[in-house]
Amino acid sequence: MIISIFKSGRKQEMYLYVEKAKGLADVPDTLKEMFGAPSLAMTMLIKPDQKLARADPETVISSIQSQGYYLQLPPKIESLLVPPE
């Protein structure tokens, strides 16, 4: 699946993943309003076994197929302060 990843115009580190061919058409208006002006961050081919920085690729693909988008929320500040075990 080829996806487009948009960066939020309102919240830092919030991203919206959508199928490139459909764009933002399936994203609900309320989410679009909350998200703010989208800025294209990148377009890429996503595969289930691919490594992503902060998202599980199978979850991303499944979410896009079922609801038309995947919303990546910013990490919690506490998780950035605590070193991984």
N, C-alpha and C. Protein backbone atom coordinates (compact mmCIF):
# COMPACT_ATOMS: atom_id res chain seq x y z
N MET A 1 0.85 -1.18 0.00
CA MET A 1 0.00 0.00 0.00
C MET A 1 0.89 1.24 0.00
N ILE A 2 0.55 2.19 -0.85
CA ILE A 2 1.28 3.46 -0.87
C ILE A 2 0.49 4.44 -0.01
N ILE A 3 1.17 5.04 0.95
CA ILE A 3 0.50 5.94 1.87
C ILE A 3 1.11 7.34 1.81
N SER A 4 0.31 8.31 2.22
CA SER A 4 0.79 9.67 2.42
C SER A 4 0.70 9.95 3.91
N ILE A 5 1.72 10.60 4.44
CA ILE A 5 1.75 10.94 5.86
C ILE A 5 1.74 12.47 5.96
N PHE A 6 0.74 12.97 6.69
CA PHE A 6 0.58 14.40 6.87
C PHE A 6 0.90 14.80 8.30
N LYS A 7 1.58 15.92 8.44
CA LYS A 7 1.93 16.49 9.74
C LYS A 7 0.84 17.49 10.12
N SER A 8 0.47 17.49 11.40
CA SER A 8 -0.57 18.39 11.88
C SER A 8 -0.09 19.84 11.89
N GLY A 9 -1.00 20.74 11.56
CA GLY A 9 -0.71 22.16 11.64
C GLY A 9 -0.98 22.72 13.03
N ARG A 10 -1.53 21.89 13.92
CA ARG A 10 -1.88 22.36 15.26
C ARG A 10 -1.08 21.70 16.38
N LYS A 11 -0.78 20.42 16.25
CA LYS A 11 -0.10 19.69 17.32
C LYS A 11 1.23 19.15 16.82
N GLN A 12 2.29 19.45 17.56
CA GLN A 12 3.60 18.91 17.20
C GLN A 12 3.58 17.39 17.35
N GLU A 13 4.24 16.73 16.45
CA GLU A 13 4.42 15.28 16.45
C GLU A 13 3.11 14.50 16.32
N MET A 14 2.08 15.10 15.73
CA MET A 14 0.85 14.40 15.41
C MET A 14 0.83 14.21 13.90
N TYR A 15 0.60 12.97 13.47
CA TYR A 15 0.63 12.64 12.05
C TYR A 15 -0.60 11.87 11.65
N LEU A 16 -1.03 12.04 10.42
CA LEU A 16 -2.18 11.35 9.86
C LEU A 16 -1.70 10.55 8.65
N TYR A 17 -1.93 9.24 8.70
CA TYR A 17 -1.53 8.34 7.62
C TYR A 17 -2.79 8.00 6.82
N VAL A 18 -2.72 8.13 5.50
CA VAL A 18 -3.84 7.80 4.62
C VAL A 18 -3.33 7.10 3.37
N GLU A 19 -4.23 6.39 2.69
CA GLU A 19 -3.86 5.79 1.42
C GLU A 19 -3.68 6.92 0.41
N LYS A 20 -2.58 6.91 -0.31
CA LYS A 20 -2.25 8.01 -1.22
C LYS A 20 -3.35 8.24 -2.25
N ALA A 21 -3.89 7.17 -2.81
CA ALA A 21 -4.89 7.30 -3.87
C ALA A 21 -6.16 8.00 -3.39
N LYS A 22 -6.50 7.85 -2.12
CA LYS A 22 -7.73 8.45 -1.58
C LYS A 22 -7.48 9.79 -0.91
N GLY A 23 -6.26 10.03 -0.49
CA GLY A 23 -5.95 11.28 0.20
C GLY A 23 -6.73 11.40 1.49
N LEU A 24 -7.19 12.60 1.78
CA LEU A 24 -7.89 12.88 3.04
C LEU A 24 -9.41 12.70 2.92
N ALA A 25 -9.89 12.12 1.83
CA ALA A 25 -11.33 12.00 1.57
C ALA A 25 -12.07 11.23 2.66
N ASP A 26 -11.47 10.20 3.24
CA ASP A 26 -12.15 9.37 4.24
C ASP A 26 -11.96 9.85 5.67
N VAL A 27 -11.23 10.93 5.86
CA VAL A 27 -10.98 11.46 7.21
C VAL A 27 -12.20 12.29 7.63
N PRO A 28 -12.78 11.99 8.80
CA PRO A 28 -13.96 12.75 9.25
C PRO A 28 -13.65 14.25 9.40
N ASP A 29 -14.64 15.08 9.13
CA ASP A 29 -14.47 16.53 9.21
C ASP A 29 -14.03 16.98 10.60
N THR A 30 -14.57 16.35 11.65
CA THR A 30 -14.20 16.75 13.02
C THR A 30 -12.71 16.51 13.27
N LEU A 31 -12.18 15.41 12.74
CA LEU A 31 -10.75 15.13 12.89
C LEU A 31 -9.93 16.13 12.08
N LYS A 32 -10.40 16.45 10.89
CA LYS A 32 -9.70 17.44 10.06
C LYS A 32 -9.61 18.79 10.78
N GLU A 33 -10.70 19.19 11.44
CA GLU A 33 -10.71 20.45 12.17
C GLU A 33 -9.72 20.41 13.33
N MET A 34 -9.73 19.31 14.10
CA MET A 34 -8.83 19.17 15.23
C MET A 34 -7.36 19.12 14.77
N PHE A 35 -7.12 18.47 13.63
CA PHE A 35 -5.78 18.26 13.10
C PHE A 35 -5.15 19.56 12.59
N GLY A 36 -5.98 20.44 12.07
CA GLY A 36 -5.46 21.68 11.51
C GLY A 36 -5.02 21.49 10.07
N ALA A 37 -4.36 22.49 9.54
CA ALA A 37 -3.90 22.44 8.15
C ALA A 37 -2.86 21.34 7.98
N PRO A 38 -3.16 20.33 7.15
CA PRO A 38 -2.20 19.24 6.96
C PRO A 38 -1.06 19.66 6.05
N SER A 39 0.12 19.18 6.39
CA SER A 39 1.31 19.42 5.59
C SER A 39 1.90 18.06 5.23
N LEU A 40 2.04 17.79 3.95
CA LEU A 40 2.56 16.49 3.51
C LEU A 40 3.99 16.31 4.02
N ALA A 41 4.19 15.28 4.83
CA ALA A 41 5.51 14.98 5.37
C ALA A 41 6.26 14.02 4.46
N MET A 42 5.55 12.99 3.97
CA MET A 42 6.17 12.04 3.05
C MET A 42 5.14 11.11 2.44
N THR A 43 5.53 10.48 1.36
CA THR A 43 4.76 9.43 0.70
C THR A 43 5.66 8.22 0.63
N MET A 44 5.11 7.05 0.98
CA MET A 44 5.95 5.86 1.02
C MET A 44 5.14 4.59 0.80
N LEU A 45 5.83 3.54 0.45
CA LEU A 45 5.25 2.21 0.36
C LEU A 45 5.36 1.59 1.75
N ILE A 46 4.24 1.10 2.28
CA ILE A 46 4.26 0.48 3.60
C ILE A 46 3.93 -1.01 3.46
N LYS A 47 4.71 -1.83 4.18
CA LYS A 47 4.52 -3.27 4.18
C LYS A 47 4.41 -3.74 5.64
N PRO A 48 3.70 -4.84 5.89
CA PRO A 48 3.49 -5.31 7.26
C PRO A 48 4.78 -5.58 8.04
N ASP A 49 5.84 -5.96 7.37
CA ASP A 49 7.10 -6.30 8.06
C ASP A 49 8.07 -5.12 8.13
N GLN A 50 7.60 -3.96 7.74
CA GLN A 50 8.44 -2.76 7.72
C GLN A 50 8.59 -2.18 9.13
N LYS A 51 9.71 -1.54 9.38
CA LYS A 51 9.95 -0.89 10.66
C LYS A 51 9.58 0.59 10.56
N LEU A 52 8.73 1.03 11.48
CA LEU A 52 8.37 2.44 11.55
C LEU A 52 8.82 2.99 12.90
N ALA A 53 9.07 4.27 12.97
CA ALA A 53 9.61 4.88 14.19
C ALA A 53 8.68 4.73 15.40
N ARG A 54 7.41 5.09 15.26
CA ARG A 54 6.52 5.08 16.41
C ARG A 54 5.18 4.42 16.16
N ALA A 55 5.10 3.60 15.15
CA ALA A 55 3.83 2.94 14.85
C ALA A 55 4.08 1.52 14.37
N ASP A 56 3.13 0.66 14.65
CA ASP A 56 3.19 -0.72 14.17
C ASP A 56 2.62 -0.74 12.75
N PRO A 57 3.39 -1.19 11.77
CA PRO A 57 2.91 -1.13 10.38
C PRO A 57 1.63 -1.93 10.14
N GLU A 58 1.46 -3.06 10.82
CA GLU A 58 0.23 -3.85 10.65
C GLU A 58 -0.98 -3.07 11.16
N THR A 59 -0.81 -2.37 12.27
CA THR A 59 -1.89 -1.55 12.83
C THR A 59 -2.22 -0.39 11.89
N VAL A 60 -1.19 0.23 11.34
CA VAL A 60 -1.39 1.35 10.40
C VAL A 60 -2.18 0.87 9.19
N ILE A 61 -1.75 -0.22 8.59
CA ILE A 61 -2.41 -0.76 7.39
C ILE A 61 -3.86 -1.14 7.70
N SER A 62 -4.06 -1.86 8.80
CA SER A 62 -5.40 -2.29 9.20
C SER A 62 -6.33 -1.10 9.43
N SER A 63 -5.82 -0.09 10.11
CA SER A 63 -6.62 1.10 10.40
C SER A 63 -6.99 1.85 9.12
N ILE A 64 -6.05 1.97 8.21
CA ILE A 64 -6.33 2.65 6.94
C ILE A 64 -7.37 1.87 6.14
N GLN A 65 -7.26 0.55 6.14
CA GLN A 65 -8.22 -0.26 5.40
C GLN A 65 -9.62 -0.22 6.01
N SER A 66 -9.70 -0.18 7.35
CA SER A 66 -11.00 -0.24 8.00
C SER A 66 -11.68 1.13 8.15
N GLN A 67 -10.90 2.19 8.45
CA GLN A 67 -11.54 3.48 8.68
C GLN A 67 -11.05 4.59 7.75
N GLY A 68 -10.06 4.30 6.93
CA GLY A 68 -9.59 5.28 5.95
C GLY A 68 -8.41 6.12 6.39
N TYR A 69 -7.95 5.94 7.64
CA TYR A 69 -6.82 6.72 8.13
C TYR A 69 -6.25 6.07 9.39
N TYR A 70 -5.04 6.50 9.74
CA TYR A 70 -4.42 6.13 11.02
C TYR A 70 -3.88 7.43 11.62
N LEU A 71 -4.23 7.70 12.87
CA LEU A 71 -3.78 8.91 13.54
C LEU A 71 -2.68 8.56 14.53
N GLN A 72 -1.51 9.13 14.34
CA GLN A 72 -0.39 8.94 15.27
C GLN A 72 -0.35 10.14 16.20
N LEU A 73 -0.57 9.88 17.48
CA LEU A 73 -0.57 10.94 18.48
C LEU A 73 0.84 11.22 18.96
N PRO A 74 1.07 12.42 19.49
CA PRO A 74 2.40 12.74 20.03
C PRO A 74 2.72 11.84 21.22
N PRO A 75 3.99 11.52 21.43
CA PRO A 75 4.35 10.70 22.59
C PRO A 75 4.12 11.50 23.87
N LYS A 76 3.85 10.78 24.94
CA LYS A 76 3.67 11.46 26.22
C LYS A 76 5.02 11.99 26.68
N ILE A 77 5.01 13.13 27.28
CA ILE A 77 6.26 13.76 27.74
C ILE A 77 6.99 12.86 28.73
N GLU A 78 6.24 12.19 29.62
CA GLU A 78 6.88 11.32 30.60
C GLU A 78 7.68 10.21 29.93
N SER A 79 7.16 9.68 28.82
CA SER A 79 7.86 8.59 28.15
C SER A 79 9.16 9.06 27.52
N LEU A 80 9.27 10.35 27.25
CA LEU A 80 10.50 10.88 26.70
C LEU A 80 11.55 11.08 27.79
N LEU A 81 11.11 11.25 29.03
CA LEU A 81 12.02 11.50 30.13
C LEU A 81 12.56 10.23 30.78
N VAL A 82 11.80 9.14 30.66
CA VAL A 82 12.21 7.88 31.28
C VAL A 82 12.97 7.05 30.25
N PRO A 83 14.21 6.65 30.57
CA PRO A 83 14.98 5.84 29.62
C PRO A 83 14.35 4.45 29.46
N PRO A 84 14.41 3.87 28.26
CA PRO A 84 13.86 2.53 28.06
C PRO A 84 14.64 1.49 28.86
N GLU A 85 13.91 0.46 29.26
CA GLU A 85 14.56 -0.60 30.05
C GLU A 85 15.26 -1.60 29.17
